[in-house]
């Protein structure tokens, strides 16, 4: 038989069957799900780190503010003591 007389090959020749396609689809979906899971974990870790950093910054600012207020109170107390002693020393 010559090449011209051979029957044509089916159009689906070399294509995977529906069961193989379903398996590939399932594997691809599992891979995508895993990527989403990993991406979510990375984002959650970043958010946690940023929250911890912000809380640390806030605590530091609170401590500085408290120290500043304490110093102002001590200065006012010392000023009152000076006024008291200055006034008492003038009377005697």
Protein backbone atom coordinates (compact mmCIF):
# COMPACT_ATOMS: atom_id res chain seq x y z
CA UNK A 1 0.00 0.00 0.00
CA UNK A 2 1.20 3.44 -0.73
CA UNK A 3 1.16 6.32 1.73
CA UNK A 4 -1.75 7.85 -0.07
CA UNK A 5 -3.87 4.74 0.53
CA UNK A 6 -3.37 4.55 4.30
CA UNK A 7 -6.34 5.55 6.43
CA UNK A 8 -5.96 8.92 8.21
CA UNK A 9 -4.98 8.90 11.87
CA UNK A 10 -7.66 9.93 14.35
CA UNK A 11 -7.57 13.59 15.40
CA UNK A 12 -7.24 12.54 19.05
CA UNK A 13 -4.06 10.54 18.45
CA UNK A 14 -1.40 11.46 21.01
CA UNK A 15 -3.87 13.29 23.26
CA UNK A 16 -4.39 12.07 26.85
CA UNK A 17 -7.61 10.32 27.70
CA UNK A 18 -10.18 11.90 30.06
CA UNK A 19 -8.93 9.91 33.08
CA UNK A 20 -5.38 11.15 32.55
CA UNK A 21 -6.64 14.72 32.15
CA UNK A 22 -8.60 14.40 35.41
CA UNK A 23 -5.47 13.16 37.22
CA UNK A 24 -3.42 16.05 35.82
CA UNK A 25 -6.13 18.51 36.82
CA UNK A 26 -6.23 17.11 40.38
CA UNK A 27 -2.44 17.28 40.68
CA UNK A 28 -2.43 20.86 39.40
CA UNK A 29 -5.19 21.87 41.85
CA UNK A 30 -3.26 20.30 44.74
CA UNK A 31 -0.14 22.21 43.69
CA UNK A 32 -2.11 25.49 43.55
CA UNK A 33 -3.67 24.80 46.95
CA UNK A 34 -0.20 24.19 48.41
CA UNK A 35 1.09 27.43 46.90
CA UNK A 36 -1.84 29.33 48.40
CA UNK A 37 -1.20 27.69 51.78
CA UNK A 38 2.51 28.57 51.68
CA UNK A 39 1.77 32.13 50.55
CA UNK A 40 -0.74 32.56 53.35
CA UNK A 41 1.79 31.29 55.91
CA UNK A 42 4.42 33.74 54.66
CA UNK A 43 1.95 36.64 54.85
CA UNK A 44 0.81 35.63 58.34
CA UNK A 45 4.43 35.50 59.50
CA UNK A 46 5.06 38.96 58.05
CA UNK A 47 1.98 40.39 59.76
CA UNK A 48 3.03 38.81 63.06
CA UNK A 49 6.53 40.27 62.75
CA UNK A 50 5.19 43.72 61.90
CA UNK A 51 2.75 43.64 64.85
CA UNK A 52 5.55 42.63 67.22
CA UNK A 53 7.73 45.44 65.86
CA UNK A 54 4.95 48.00 66.29
CA UNK A 55 4.21 46.83 69.83
CA UNK A 56 7.89 47.08 70.68
CA UNK A 57 8.06 50.60 69.26
CA UNK A 58 4.93 51.59 71.20
CA UNK A 59 6.36 50.20 74.45
CA UNK A 60 9.58 52.12 73.92
CA UNK A 61 7.68 55.35 73.28
CA UNK A 62 5.56 54.76 76.39
CA UNK A 63 8.69 54.29 78.51
CA UNK A 64 10.24 57.46 77.12
CA UNK A 65 7.07 59.41 77.76
CA UNK A 66 6.82 58.12 81.34
CA UNK A 67 10.46 59.03 81.96
CA UNK A 68 9.84 62.52 80.60
CA UNK A 69 6.78 63.03 82.81
CA UNK A 70 8.66 61.69 85.86
CA UNK A 71 11.50 64.14 85.21
CA UNK A 72 9.05 67.04 84.89
CA UNK A 73 7.37 66.07 88.16
CA UNK A 74 10.76 65.85 89.94
CA UNK A 75 11.73 69.27 88.59
CA UNK A 76 8.45 70.75 89.81
CA UNK A 77 8.95 69.14 93.23
CA UNK A 78 12.46 70.56 93.44
CA UNK A 79 11.16 74.00 92.47
CA UNK A 80 8.53 73.80 95.21
CA UNK A 81 11.14 72.76 97.77
CA UNK A 82 13.37 75.68 96.74
CA UNK A 83 10.47 78.12 97.02
CA UNK A 84 9.60 76.71 100.44
CA UNK A 85 13.17 76.97 101.75
CA UNK A 86 13.72 80.37 100.18
CA UNK A 87 10.54 81.65 101.77
CA UNK A 88 11.38 80.10 105.15
CA UNK A 89 14.90 81.50 105.14
CA UNK A 90 13.60 85.01 104.49
CA UNK A 91 11.26 84.87 107.50
CA UNK A 92 13.95 83.87 109.99
